[in-house]
Amino acid sequence: MNTDIGYVKSLVQLGLCYPGQYEKRYYSIIYMRQLALSLFLLYFFNAAGQPLDSSGKKPNLAADSTINLYFTSVGETSGLYNGRVFYWYPLMKGHAFYPSIDWQKGSVLYDGTWYHNLYIMYDIYKDEIVLKYPNSIPIRLFSERIQEFRLADQNFTRLQPDKDNVLKNTFYHVLTEGKVSVLASRQKKIEENIVDNTLERSFITVDQYYVLKDGRYYLVINQKQLLSLLKDKRQSISQHLRKQKLKYRKEKEMTIVEIAKFYNQSYK
């Protein structure tokens, strides 16, 4: 056990897993060893005690027993646990997740069924949901099968390209809704730099914001363009922003959301 802990801590020092995440790696290693041993023993004892079939071969009931045990353990959420194994990003600065690298309690609408009280993370580099598998093994869910998901009090929905091709087939963070709705596309990219003759790779946030008005989507480019879309309230919006001391360049998201909320409130 001490060897395992030392191994995982060495991964942290080498940058192969995140600081503060070695416990996850440690329990993943232990679980995988236990799982491999269990499957071997299950297969061995089942195979040893099975009668020959008509062809003279023993039927493979071990696999069926394993599947039954698996579905019994995950219970009613078994429909979720069929994704791909998730591996942490190695040798990177920063992380790929929104809003943080910590597991978040949330819900997922998967193939038309809501699953609640899950522990998930949103990987915005790959636009995928990572689900904490039973016994701490993380897996990636298939994004195309997710219609919506929630992280705490934050709602995300999957949208298809619109008629103007403003949107992409991806998840959008619903920031506010009303006569004018605001959506955010949470994204990160990898930036590479040479530091002291060493390649340094970092995650960089590149969020984009969209406005839905009168059935059409618009990519928000700057404050001037946004106010032109809301020209019937432009003057009052500008006065409101001055009172709130909001600066678009410094607080882009907060300013966009405040503009939309003020605009919607003016029509109530």
C-alpha atoms as a PDB file:
ATOM      1  CA  MET A   1       0.000   0.000   0.000  1.00  0.00           C
ATOM      2  CA  ASN A   2       2.823   2.396   0.844  1.00  0.00           C
ATOM      3  CA  THR A   3       4.361   1.563  -2.527  1.00  0.00           C
ATOM      4  CA  ASP A   4       1.090   2.505  -4.232  1.00  0.00           C
ATOM      5  CA  ILE A   5       0.893   5.835  -2.397  1.00  0.00           C
ATOM      6  CA  GLY A   6       4.513   6.592  -3.259  1.00  0.00           C
ATOM      7  CA  TYR A   7       3.856   5.754  -6.898  1.00  0.00           C
ATOM      8  CA  VAL A   8       0.879   8.072  -7.169  1.00  0.00           C
ATOM      9  CA  LYS A   9       2.645  10.897  -5.332  1.00  0.00           C
ATOM     10  CA  SER A  10       5.476  10.566  -7.827  1.00  0.00           C
ATOM     11  CA  LEU A  11       2.904  11.098 -10.589  1.00  0.00           C
ATOM     12  CA  VAL A  12       1.960  14.395  -8.965  1.00  0.00           C
ATOM     13  CA  GLN A  13       5.586  15.480  -8.831  1.00  0.00           C
ATOM     14  CA  LEU A  14       6.045  14.581 -12.501  1.00  0.00           C
ATOM     15  CA  GLY A  15       2.865  16.449 -13.464  1.00  0.00           C
ATOM     16  CA  LEU A  16       1.096  13.255 -14.601  1.00  0.00           C
ATOM     17  CA  CYS A  17      -1.851  13.955 -12.334  1.00  0.00           C
ATOM     18  CA  TYR A  18      -3.056  17.073 -10.604  1.00  0.00           C
ATOM     19  CA  PRO A  19      -2.005  18.111  -7.111  1.00  0.00           C
ATOM     20  CA  GLY A  20      -4.762  17.156  -4.732  1.00  0.00           C
ATOM     21  CA  GLN A  21      -5.898  14.390  -7.065  1.00  0.00           C
ATOM     22  CA  TYR A  22      -3.489  11.646  -6.016  1.00  0.00           C
ATOM     23  CA  GLU A  23      -6.148  10.132  -3.762  1.00  0.00           C
ATOM     24  CA  LYS A  24      -8.304   9.565  -6.828  1.00  0.00           C
ATOM     25  CA  ARG A  25      -5.422   7.943  -8.635  1.00  0.00           C
ATOM     26  CA  TYR A  26      -4.574   5.829  -5.597  1.00  0.00           C
ATOM     27  CA  TYR A  27      -8.090   4.472  -5.174  1.00  0.00           C
ATOM     28  CA  SER A  28      -8.387   3.948  -8.928  1.00  0.00           C
ATOM     29  CA  ILE A  29      -5.236   1.790  -8.866  1.00  0.00           C
ATOM     30  CA  ILE A  30      -6.479  -0.211  -5.886  1.00  0.00           C
ATOM     31  CA  TYR A  31      -9.916  -0.675  -7.445  1.00  0.00           C
ATOM     32  CA  MET A  32      -8.512  -1.797 -10.796  1.00  0.00           C
ATOM     33  CA  ARG A  33      -6.322  -4.391  -9.067  1.00  0.00           C
ATOM     34  CA  GLN A  34      -9.272  -5.658  -7.066  1.00  0.00           C
ATOM     35  CA  LEU A  35     -11.470  -5.718 -10.153  1.00  0.00           C
ATOM     36  CA  ALA A  36      -8.887  -7.656 -12.172  1.00  0.00           C
ATOM     37  CA  LEU A  37      -8.458 -10.201  -9.383  1.00  0.00           C
ATOM     38  CA  SER A  38     -12.232 -10.546  -8.904  1.00  0.00           C
ATOM     39  CA  LEU A  39     -12.835 -11.088 -12.607  1.00  0.00           C
ATOM     40  CA  PHE A  40     -10.066 -13.687 -12.760  1.00  0.00           C
ATOM     41  CA  LEU A  41     -11.409 -15.606  -9.762  1.00  0.00           C
ATOM     42  CA  LEU A  42     -14.975 -15.306 -11.012  1.00  0.00           C
ATOM     43  CA  TYR A  43     -13.998 -16.654 -14.403  1.00  0.00           C
ATOM     44  CA  PHE A  44     -11.827 -19.442 -12.915  1.00  0.00           C
ATOM     45  CA  PHE A  45     -14.397 -20.812 -10.481  1.00  0.00           C
ATOM     46  CA  ASN A  46     -17.290 -20.502 -12.891  1.00  0.00           C
ATOM     47  CA  ALA A  47     -15.348 -22.173 -15.678  1.00  0.00           C
ATOM     48  CA  ALA A  48     -14.114 -24.969 -13.395  1.00  0.00           C
ATOM     49  CA  GLY A  49     -17.627 -25.910 -12.294  1.00  0.00           C
ATOM     50  CA  GLN A  50     -19.455 -25.631 -15.626  1.00  0.00           C
ATOM     51  CA  PRO A  51     -20.685 -28.728 -17.493  1.00  0.00           C
ATOM     52  CA  LEU A  52     -19.723 -29.301 -21.123  1.00  0.00           C
ATOM     53  CA  ASP A  53     -22.224 -28.232 -23.766  1.00  0.00           C
ATOM     54  CA  SER A  54     -23.190 -30.339 -26.783  1.00  0.00           C
ATOM     55  CA  SER A  55     -20.051 -29.272 -28.642  1.00  0.00           C
ATOM     56  CA  GLY A  56     -17.822 -30.492 -25.829  1.00  0.00           C
ATOM     57  CA  LYS A  57     -16.928 -26.931 -24.706  1.00  0.00           C
ATOM     58  CA  LYS A  58     -17.754 -25.220 -21.452  1.00  0.00           C
ATOM     59  CA  PRO A  59     -20.185 -22.279 -21.838  1.00  0.00           C
ATOM     60  CA  ASN A  60     -18.810 -18.866 -20.860  1.00  0.00           C
ATOM     61  CA  LEU A  61     -21.088 -18.141 -17.906  1.00  0.00           C
ATOM     62  CA  ALA A  62     -18.389 -16.161 -16.132  1.00  0.00           C
ATOM     63  CA  ALA A  63     -18.925 -13.204 -18.443  1.00  0.00           C
ATOM     64  CA  ASP A  64     -22.695 -13.357 -17.856  1.00  0.00           C
ATOM     65  CA  SER A  65     -22.154 -13.488 -14.086  1.00  0.00           C
ATOM     66  CA  THR A  66     -19.849 -10.484 -14.316  1.00  0.00           C
ATOM     67  CA  ILE A  67     -22.439  -8.508 -16.288  1.00  0.00           C
ATOM     68  CA  ASN A  68     -25.195  -9.419 -13.801  1.00  0.00           C
ATOM     69  CA  LEU A  69     -22.988  -8.402 -10.881  1.00  0.00           C
ATOM     70  CA  TYR A  70     -22.192  -5.127 -12.644  1.00  0.00           C
ATOM     71  CA  PHE A  71     -25.824  -4.198 -13.244  1.00  0.00           C
ATOM     72  CA  THR A  72     -26.779  -5.159  -9.705  1.00  0.00           C
ATOM     73  CA  SER A  73     -24.073  -2.891  -8.287  1.00  0.00           C
ATOM     74  CA  VAL A  74     -25.005   0.201 -10.309  1.00  0.00           C
ATOM     75  CA  GLY A  75     -28.761  -0.322  -9.969  1.00  0.00           C
ATOM     76  CA  GLU A  76     -31.172   2.035 -11.693  1.00  0.00           C
ATOM     77  CA  THR A  77     -28.402   4.291 -13.048  1.00  0.00           C
ATOM     78  CA  SER A  78     -26.899   1.436 -15.090  1.00  0.00           C
ATOM     79  CA  GLY A  79     -27.942   3.179 -18.314  1.00  0.00           C
ATOM     80  CA  LEU A  80     -25.267   5.782 -17.662  1.00  0.00           C
ATOM     81  CA  TYR A  81     -22.284   3.532 -17.046  1.00  0.00           C
ATOM     82  CA  ASN A  82     -21.395   2.628 -20.609  1.00  0.00           C
ATOM     83  CA  GLY A  83     -18.960   5.386 -21.557  1.00  0.00           C
ATOM     84  CA  ARG A  84     -15.201   5.421 -22.063  1.00  0.00           C
ATOM     85  CA  VAL A  85     -12.595   5.380 -19.323  1.00  0.00           C
ATOM     86  CA  PHE A  86     -11.338   8.875 -18.488  1.00  0.00           C
ATOM     87  CA  TYR A  87      -7.621   9.543 -18.167  1.00  0.00           C
ATOM     88  CA  TRP A  88      -6.226  12.695 -16.573  1.00  0.00           C
ATOM     89  CA  TYR A  89      -4.319  15.075 -18.829  1.00  0.00           C
ATOM     90  CA  PRO A  90      -0.565  14.635 -18.297  1.00  0.00           C
ATOM     91  CA  LEU A  91       2.076  17.351 -18.008  1.00  0.00           C
ATOM     92  CA  MET A  92      -0.314  20.301 -18.277  1.00  0.00           C
ATOM     93  CA  LYS A  93      -0.609  23.625 -16.492  1.00  0.00           C
ATOM     94  CA  GLY A  94      -4.105  24.395 -15.340  1.00  0.00           C
ATOM     95  CA  HIS A  95      -7.015  22.047 -15.970  1.00  0.00           C
ATOM     96  CA  ALA A  96      -9.676  21.302 -18.588  1.00  0.00           C
ATOM     97  CA  PHE A  97     -12.808  21.634 -16.458  1.00  0.00           C
ATOM     98  CA  TYR A  98     -15.614  24.062 -15.677  1.00  0.00           C
ATOM     99  CA  PRO A  99     -16.114  25.494 -13.139  1.00  0.00           C
ATOM    100  CA  SER A 100     -13.348  23.653 -11.275  1.00  0.00           C
ATOM    101  CA  ILE A 101     -11.423  20.410 -11.180  1.00  0.00           C
ATOM    102  CA  ASP A 102     -13.497  19.161  -8.234  1.00  0.00           C
ATOM    103  CA  TRP A 103     -16.351  16.695  -8.548  1.00  0.00           C
ATOM    104  CA  GLN A 104     -19.673  18.517  -8.654  1.00  0.00           C
ATOM    105  CA  LYS A 105     -23.026  17.092  -7.594  1.00  0.00           C
ATOM    106  CA  GLY A 106     -25.402  17.293 -10.522  1.00  0.00           C
ATOM    107  CA  SER A 107     -28.021  15.745 -12.806  1.00  0.00           C
ATOM    108  CA  VAL A 108     -27.894  14.494 -16.383  1.00  0.00           C
ATOM    109  CA  LEU A 109     -30.696  14.066 -18.941  1.00  0.00           C
ATOM    110  CA  TYR A 110     -29.334  11.040 -20.793  1.00  0.00           C
ATOM    111  CA  ASP A 111     -31.287   9.402 -23.631  1.00  0.00           C
ATOM    112  CA  GLY A 112     -34.397  11.195 -22.411  1.00  0.00           C
ATOM    113  CA  THR A 113     -34.107  10.061 -18.771  1.00  0.00           C
ATOM    114  CA  TRP A 114     -33.017  12.253 -15.864  1.00  0.00           C
ATOM    115  CA  TYR A 115     -30.362  10.850 -13.516  1.00  0.00           C
ATOM    116  CA  HIS A 116     -29.899  12.785 -10.281  1.00  0.00           C
ATOM    117  CA  ASN A 117     -27.390  12.953  -7.408  1.00  0.00           C
ATOM    118  CA  LEU A 118     -24.433  12.142  -9.637  1.00  0.00           C
ATOM    119  CA  TYR A 119     -20.857  13.295  -9.181  1.00  0.00           C
ATOM    120  CA  ILE A 120     -19.672  14.773 -12.458  1.00  0.00           C
ATOM    121  CA  MET A 121     -17.154  17.155 -13.991  1.00  0.00           C
ATOM    122  CA  TYR A 122     -17.539  19.124 -17.229  1.00  0.00           C
ATOM    123  CA  ASP A 123     -14.478  18.797 -19.468  1.00  0.00           C
ATOM    124  CA  ILE A 124     -14.747  21.909 -21.649  1.00  0.00           C
ATOM    125  CA  TYR A 125     -11.649  21.078 -23.692  1.00  0.00           C
ATOM    126  CA  LYS A 126     -13.334  17.970 -25.115  1.00  0.00           C
ATOM    127  CA  ASP A 127     -16.908  19.124 -24.405  1.00  0.00           C
ATOM    128  CA  GLU A 128     -17.663  15.979 -22.446  1.00  0.00           C
ATOM    129  CA  ILE A 129     -19.158  15.017 -19.097  1.00  0.00           C
ATOM    130  CA  VAL A 130     -16.943  12.928 -16.841  1.00  0.00           C
ATOM    131  CA  LEU A 131     -18.931  10.748 -14.460  1.00  0.00           C
ATOM    132  CA  LYS A 132     -17.590   9.367 -11.204  1.00  0.00           C
ATOM    133  CA  TYR A 133     -18.087   5.649 -11.646  1.00  0.00           C
ATOM    134  CA  PRO A 134     -18.853   3.443  -8.627  1.00  0.00           C
ATOM    135  CA  ASN A 135     -15.644   2.903  -6.646  1.00  0.00           C
ATOM    136  CA  SER A 136     -14.234   6.187  -8.005  1.00  0.00           C
ATOM    137  CA  ILE A 137     -13.391   5.063 -11.555  1.00  0.00           C
ATOM    138  CA  PRO A 138     -14.222   8.049 -13.857  1.00  0.00           C
ATOM    139  CA  ILE A 139     -15.738   7.549 -17.319  1.00  0.00           C
ATOM    140  CA  ARG A 140     -16.630   9.878 -20.192  1.00  0.00           C
ATOM    141  CA  LEU A 141     -20.283   9.907 -21.182  1.00  0.00           C
ATOM    142  CA  PHE A 142     -21.262  10.055 -24.843  1.00  0.00           C
ATOM    143  CA  SER A 143     -22.039  13.751 -25.407  1.00  0.00           C
ATOM    144  CA  GLU A 144     -24.474  13.186 -28.265  1.00  0.00           C
ATOM    145  CA  ARG A 145     -26.721  11.210 -25.899  1.00  0.00           C
ATOM    146  CA  ILE A 146     -26.937  14.024 -23.334  1.00  0.00           C
ATOM    147  CA  GLN A 147     -29.733  16.562 -23.842  1.00  0.00           C
ATOM    148  CA  GLU A 148     -29.192  18.603 -20.666  1.00  0.00           C
ATOM    149  CA  PHE A 149     -27.219  18.545 -17.460  1.00  0.00           C
ATOM    150  CA  ARG A 150     -27.030  20.561 -14.244  1.00  0.00           C
ATOM    151  CA  LEU A 151     -24.090  21.429 -12.051  1.00  0.00           C
ATOM    152  CA  ALA A 152     -25.428  22.658  -8.715  1.00  0.00           C
ATOM    153  CA  ASP A 153     -27.698  25.554  -9.792  1.00  0.00           C
ATOM    154  CA  GLN A 154     -26.182  25.946 -13.270  1.00  0.00           C
ATOM    155  CA  ASN A 155     -28.073  24.634 -16.307  1.00  0.00           C
ATOM    156  CA  PHE A 156     -26.546  23.416 -19.565  1.00  0.00           C
ATOM    157  CA  THR A 157     -28.350  22.348 -22.729  1.00  0.00           C
ATOM    158  CA  ARG A 158     -27.160  20.747 -25.945  1.00  0.00           C
ATOM    159  CA  LEU A 159     -28.142  22.699 -29.053  1.00  0.00           C
ATOM    160  CA  GLN A 160     -27.864  21.960 -32.756  1.00  0.00           C
ATOM    161  CA  PRO A 161     -26.652  24.400 -35.454  1.00  0.00           C
ATOM    162  CA  ASP A 162     -29.316  27.046 -36.117  1.00  0.00           C
ATOM    163  CA  LYS A 163     -30.499  28.256 -39.533  1.00  0.00           C
ATOM    164  CA  ASP A 164     -27.869  31.023 -39.551  1.00  0.00           C
ATOM    165  CA  ASN A 165     -25.092  28.617 -38.487  1.00  0.00           C
ATOM    166  CA  VAL A 166     -24.256  30.776 -35.484  1.00  0.00           C
ATOM    167  CA  LEU A 167     -24.417  27.849 -33.066  1.00  0.00           C
ATOM    168  CA  LYS A 168     -22.471  24.608 -33.126  1.00  0.00           C
ATOM    169  CA  ASN A 169     -23.492  21.146 -31.986  1.00  0.00           C
ATOM    170  CA  THR A 170     -22.308  21.504 -28.405  1.00  0.00           C
ATOM    171  CA  PHE A 171     -23.364  22.285 -24.834  1.00  0.00           C
ATOM    172  CA  TYR A 172     -24.394  25.805 -23.871  1.00  0.00           C
ATOM    173  CA  HIS A 173     -24.525  27.287 -20.393  1.00  0.00           C
ATOM    174  CA  VAL A 174     -27.890  29.028 -19.903  1.00  0.00           C
ATOM    175  CA  LEU A 175     -27.030  32.255 -18.060  1.00  0.00           C
ATOM    176  CA  THR A 176     -30.406  33.992 -18.181  1.00  0.00           C
ATOM    177  CA  GLU A 177     -33.708  33.560 -20.048  1.00  0.00           C
ATOM    178  CA  GLY A 178     -36.471  35.903 -21.099  1.00  0.00           C
ATOM    179  CA  LYS A 179     -37.296  38.184 -24.011  1.00  0.00           C
ATOM    180  CA  VAL A 180     -33.527  38.101 -24.460  1.00  0.00           C
ATOM    181  CA  SER A 181     -31.643  34.991 -23.398  1.00  0.00           C
ATOM    182  CA  VAL A 182     -27.893  34.689 -22.889  1.00  0.00           C
ATOM    183  CA  LEU A 183     -25.905  31.504 -23.452  1.00  0.00           C
ATOM    184  CA  ALA A 184     -22.231  30.784 -22.916  1.00  0.00           C
ATOM    185  CA  SER A 185     -20.118  28.263 -24.743  1.00  0.00           C
ATOM    186  CA  ARG A 186     -17.541  27.132 -22.186  1.00  0.00           C
ATOM    187  CA  GLN A 187     -14.315  26.310 -23.969  1.00  0.00           C
ATOM    188  CA  LYS A 188     -10.622  25.791 -23.297  1.00  0.00           C
ATOM    189  CA  LYS A 189      -7.761  25.386 -25.713  1.00  0.00           C
ATOM    190  CA  ILE A 190      -4.186  24.233 -25.263  1.00  0.00           C
ATOM    191  CA  GLU A 191      -1.491  26.869 -25.609  1.00  0.00           C
ATOM    192  CA  GLU A 192       2.131  25.819 -26.113  1.00  0.00           C
ATOM    193  CA  ASN A 193       5.198  27.868 -25.167  1.00  0.00           C
ATOM    194  CA  ILE A 194       8.912  27.191 -24.856  1.00  0.00           C
ATOM    195  CA  VAL A 195      10.123  27.987 -21.323  1.00  0.00           C
ATOM    196  CA  ASP A 196      13.793  27.342 -20.443  1.00  0.00           C
ATOM    197  CA  ASN A 197      14.147  25.103 -23.507  1.00  0.00           C
ATOM    198  CA  THR A 198      11.178  23.043 -22.346  1.00  0.00           C
ATOM    199  CA  LEU A 199       7.781  22.773 -24.012  1.00  0.00           C
ATOM    200  CA  GLU A 200       5.126  24.076 -21.631  1.00  0.00           C
ATOM    201  CA  ARG A 201       1.472  23.271 -22.376  1.00  0.00           C
ATOM    202  CA  SER A 202      -1.322  25.186 -20.651  1.00  0.00           C
ATOM    203  CA  PHE A 203      -5.113  25.234 -20.712  1.00  0.00           C
ATOM    204  CA  ILE A 204      -6.488  28.659 -21.725  1.00  0.00           C
ATOM    205  CA  THR A 205     -10.140  29.708 -21.307  1.00  0.00           C
ATOM    206  CA  VAL A 206     -11.813  30.966 -24.510  1.00  0.00           C
ATOM    207  CA  ASP A 207     -15.510  31.296 -23.612  1.00  0.00           C
ATOM    208  CA  GLN A 208     -17.964  32.712 -26.143  1.00  0.00           C
ATOM    209  CA  TYR A 209     -21.334  34.345 -25.492  1.00  0.00           C
ATOM    210  CA  TYR A 210     -24.554  34.274 -27.478  1.00  0.00           C
ATOM    211  CA  VAL A 211     -27.832  36.168 -27.345  1.00  0.00           C
ATOM    212  CA  LEU A 212     -31.186  34.738 -28.404  1.00  0.00           C
ATOM    213  CA  LYS A 213     -33.642  37.435 -29.482  1.00  0.00           C
ATOM    214  CA  ASP A 214     -36.805  37.089 -31.579  1.00  0.00           C
ATOM    215  CA  GLY A 215     -35.948  33.516 -32.459  1.00  0.00           C
ATOM    216  CA  ARG A 216     -32.439  34.262 -33.768  1.00  0.00           C
ATOM    217  CA  TYR A 217     -29.027  33.670 -32.211  1.00  0.00           C
ATOM    218  CA  TYR A 218     -26.230  36.251 -32.255  1.00  0.00           C
ATOM    219  CA  LEU A 219     -22.605  35.846 -31.249  1.00  0.00           C
ATOM    220  CA  VAL A 220     -21.712  38.673 -28.874  1.00  0.00           C
ATOM    221  CA  ILE A 221     -18.674  40.479 -30.309  1.00  0.00           C
ATOM    222  CA  ASN A 222     -18.551  43.609 -28.149  1.00  0.00           C
ATOM    223  CA  GLN A 223     -20.771  45.906 -26.080  1.00  0.00           C
ATOM    224  CA  LYS A 224     -21.541  48.236 -28.983  1.00  0.00           C
ATOM    225  CA  GLN A 225     -22.861  45.367 -31.105  1.00  0.00           C
ATOM    226  CA  LEU A 226     -24.919  44.013 -28.193  1.00  0.00           C
ATOM    227  CA  LEU A 227     -26.503  47.395 -27.505  1.00  0.00           C
ATOM    228  CA  SER A 228     -27.364  47.752 -31.197  1.00  0.00           C
ATOM    229  CA  LEU A 229     -29.369  44.530 -30.930  1.00  0.00           C
ATOM    230  CA  LEU A 230     -31.256  46.092 -28.023  1.00  0.00           C
ATOM    231  CA  LYS A 231     -31.477  49.576 -29.502  1.00  0.00           C
ATOM    232  CA  ASP A 232     -35.018  50.174 -28.219  1.00  0.00           C
ATOM    233  CA  LYS A 233     -33.533  50.294 -24.679  1.00  0.00           C
ATOM    234  CA  ARG A 234     -30.006  51.365 -25.509  1.00  0.00           C
ATOM    235  CA  GLN A 235     -29.977  54.645 -23.623  1.00  0.00           C
ATOM    236  CA  SER A 236     -31.509  53.281 -20.436  1.00  0.00           C
ATOM    237  CA  ILE A 237     -29.157  50.270 -20.535  1.00  0.00           C
ATOM    238  CA  SER A 238     -26.109  52.546 -20.797  1.00  0.00           C
ATOM    239  CA  GLN A 239     -27.303  54.589 -17.833  1.00  0.00           C
ATOM    240  CA  HIS A 240     -27.872  51.421 -15.821  1.00  0.00           C
ATOM    241  CA  LEU A 241     -24.353  50.140 -16.545  1.00  0.00           C
ATOM    242  CA  ARG A 242     -22.849  53.424 -15.357  1.00  0.00           C
ATOM    243  CA  LYS A 243     -24.831  53.198 -12.122  1.00  0.00           C
ATOM    244  CA  GLN A 244     -23.663  49.605 -11.626  1.00  0.00           C
ATOM    245  CA  LYS A 245     -20.088  50.608 -12.523  1.00  0.00           C
ATOM    246  CA  LEU A 246     -19.785  47.665 -14.899  1.00  0.00           C
ATOM    247  CA  LYS A 247     -17.064  47.633 -17.538  1.00  0.00           C
ATOM    248  CA  TYR A 248     -17.467  45.240 -20.456  1.00  0.00           C
ATOM    249  CA  ARG A 249     -13.730  44.741 -20.959  1.00  0.00           C
ATOM    250  CA  LYS A 250     -13.088  43.898 -17.317  1.00  0.00           C
ATOM    251  CA  GLU A 251     -16.271  41.950 -16.512  1.00  0.00           C
ATOM    252  CA  LYS A 252     -17.522  40.684 -19.838  1.00  0.00           C
ATOM    253  CA  GLU A 253     -19.850  37.916 -18.675  1.00  0.00           C
ATOM    254  CA  MET A 254     -21.323  39.875 -15.783  1.00  0.00           C
ATOM    255  CA  THR A 255     -21.964  42.859 -18.039  1.00  0.00           C
ATOM    256  CA  ILE A 256     -23.674  40.819 -20.770  1.00  0.00           C
ATOM    257  CA  VAL A 257     -25.927  39.080 -18.254  1.00  0.00           C
ATOM    258  CA  GLU A 258     -26.774  42.343 -16.485  1.00  0.00           C
ATOM    259  CA  ILE A 259     -27.701  43.974 -19.795  1.00  0.00           C
ATOM    260  CA  ALA A 260     -30.038  41.091 -20.659  1.00  0.00           C
ATOM    261  CA  LYS A 261     -31.643  41.022 -17.213  1.00  0.00           C
ATOM    262  CA  PHE A 262     -32.220  44.785 -17.246  1.00  0.00           C
ATOM    263  CA  TYR A 263     -33.688  44.588 -20.753  1.00  0.00           C
ATOM    264  CA  ASN A 264     -36.035  41.733 -19.770  1.00  0.00           C
ATOM    265  CA  GLN A 265     -37.089  43.503 -16.581  1.00  0.00           C
ATOM    266  CA  SER A 266     -38.026  46.629 -18.543  1.00  0.00           C
ATOM    267  CA  TYR A 267     -40.668  44.621 -20.418  1.00  0.00           C
ATOM    268  CA  LYS A 268     -42.395  43.247 -17.313  1.00  0.00           C
END
